[in-house]
Protein backbone atom coordinates (compact mmCIF):
# COMPACT_ATOMS: atom_id res chain seq x y z
CA GLN A 1 72.67 58.00 51.70
CA LYS A 2 75.49 55.55 52.44
CA GLU A 3 75.20 56.27 56.17
CA LEU A 4 71.46 55.64 56.11
CA SER A 5 71.93 52.36 54.24
CA ALA A 6 74.59 51.27 56.73
CA LEU A 7 72.26 52.12 59.61
CA ALA A 8 69.46 50.10 58.01
CA ILE A 9 71.54 46.91 57.97
CA SER A 10 73.23 47.44 61.34
CA THR A 11 72.39 45.32 64.38
CA PHE A 12 69.00 46.21 65.83
CA PRO A 13 66.66 44.81 68.50
CA ILE A 14 63.65 42.70 67.56
CA PRO A 15 60.39 42.17 69.48
CA GLY A 16 61.15 40.49 72.77
CA ASP A 17 64.58 42.12 73.18
CA ALA A 18 64.88 44.54 76.10
CA ASP A 19 65.92 47.40 73.79
CA PHE A 20 62.99 47.04 71.34
CA PRO A 21 60.89 50.22 71.77
CA LEU A 22 57.52 48.68 70.82
CA ASN A 23 57.56 45.52 72.95
CA GLY A 24 54.07 46.22 74.25
CA MET A 25 52.64 46.07 70.73
CA PHE A 26 54.40 42.98 69.35
CA VAL A 27 54.64 39.40 70.54
CA LYS A 28 58.08 37.86 70.91
CA PRO A 29 58.68 35.56 67.92
CA ALA A 30 59.07 31.83 68.43
CA HIS A 31 62.66 30.58 68.49
CA SER A 32 62.27 29.18 64.97
CA GLU A 33 61.00 32.54 63.66
CA ILE A 34 63.76 34.80 65.02
CA ASP A 35 65.96 34.69 61.90
CA LYS A 36 62.98 35.28 59.62
CA MET A 37 61.89 38.24 61.78
CA LYS A 38 65.39 39.75 61.64
CA GLN A 39 65.49 39.36 57.84
CA TYR A 40 62.03 40.91 57.49
CA LEU A 41 62.85 43.90 59.70
CA GLU A 42 66.21 44.41 57.98
CA GLN A 43 64.48 44.50 54.57
CA LEU A 44 61.83 46.88 55.94
CA ARG A 45 64.49 49.23 57.33
CA LYS A 46 66.44 49.15 54.06
CA GLU A 47 63.36 49.87 51.92
CA CYS A 48 62.24 52.69 54.23
CA SER A 49 65.68 54.30 54.22
CA ASP A 50 65.93 54.07 50.42
CA ARG A 51 62.50 55.65 49.96
CA MET A 52 62.81 58.25 52.71
CA ILE A 53 66.02 59.70 51.32
CA ASP A 54 64.04 60.93 48.30
CA ARG A 55 61.63 62.76 50.59
CA VAL A 56 63.92 64.10 53.31
CA ILE A 57 66.82 65.37 51.18
CA ASP A 58 66.01 68.27 48.86
CA PRO A 59 67.43 67.30 45.43
CA GLU A 60 68.05 70.93 44.42
CA THR A 61 70.16 71.90 47.44
CA ASN A 62 71.21 68.41 48.57
CA LYS A 63 70.33 69.43 52.15
CA PRO A 64 67.77 67.98 54.56
CA SER A 65 64.26 69.38 54.35
CA LYS A 66 63.45 71.33 57.51
CA TRP A 67 59.79 70.33 57.20
CA TRP A 68 60.54 66.60 57.47
CA LEU A 69 63.23 67.01 60.12
CA CYS A 70 60.75 68.66 62.49
CA PHE A 71 59.33 65.14 63.12
CA VAL A 72 62.63 63.60 64.26
CA ARG A 73 62.18 64.19 67.98
CA ARG A 74 58.39 63.93 68.18
CA CYS A 75 56.58 61.20 70.08
CA PHE A 76 53.57 59.36 68.71
CA MET A 77 51.21 57.70 71.19
CA GLY A 78 53.85 58.26 73.87
CA LYS A 79 56.45 56.26 71.91
CA THR A 80 59.61 57.31 70.15
CA LEU A 81 61.91 55.24 67.94
CA LEU A 82 64.80 57.64 68.45
CA ASN A 83 67.68 56.52 70.65
CA ILE A 84 68.35 59.43 72.98
CA GLY A 85 72.14 59.30 72.53
CA SER A 86 72.03 59.11 68.74
CA LEU A 87 71.47 62.82 68.04
């Protein structure tokens, strides 16, 4: 859980950055909105990681659920949010 929380607040690309995987779906924020966008996405990542941990980790065995982990490497609409070198 600590690792997931650390990942949620780590540096990450935002729309308009070359590394952002969904650039075709989002408009680059105006210069004045960049900090607000980073704060919003950081909060979104933190909330998602906090809520997902309850679903992905089986509380009885304290191990990852195989059912949820089957989605890790899947693409949706030809897109993936997984960095190839991260797993």
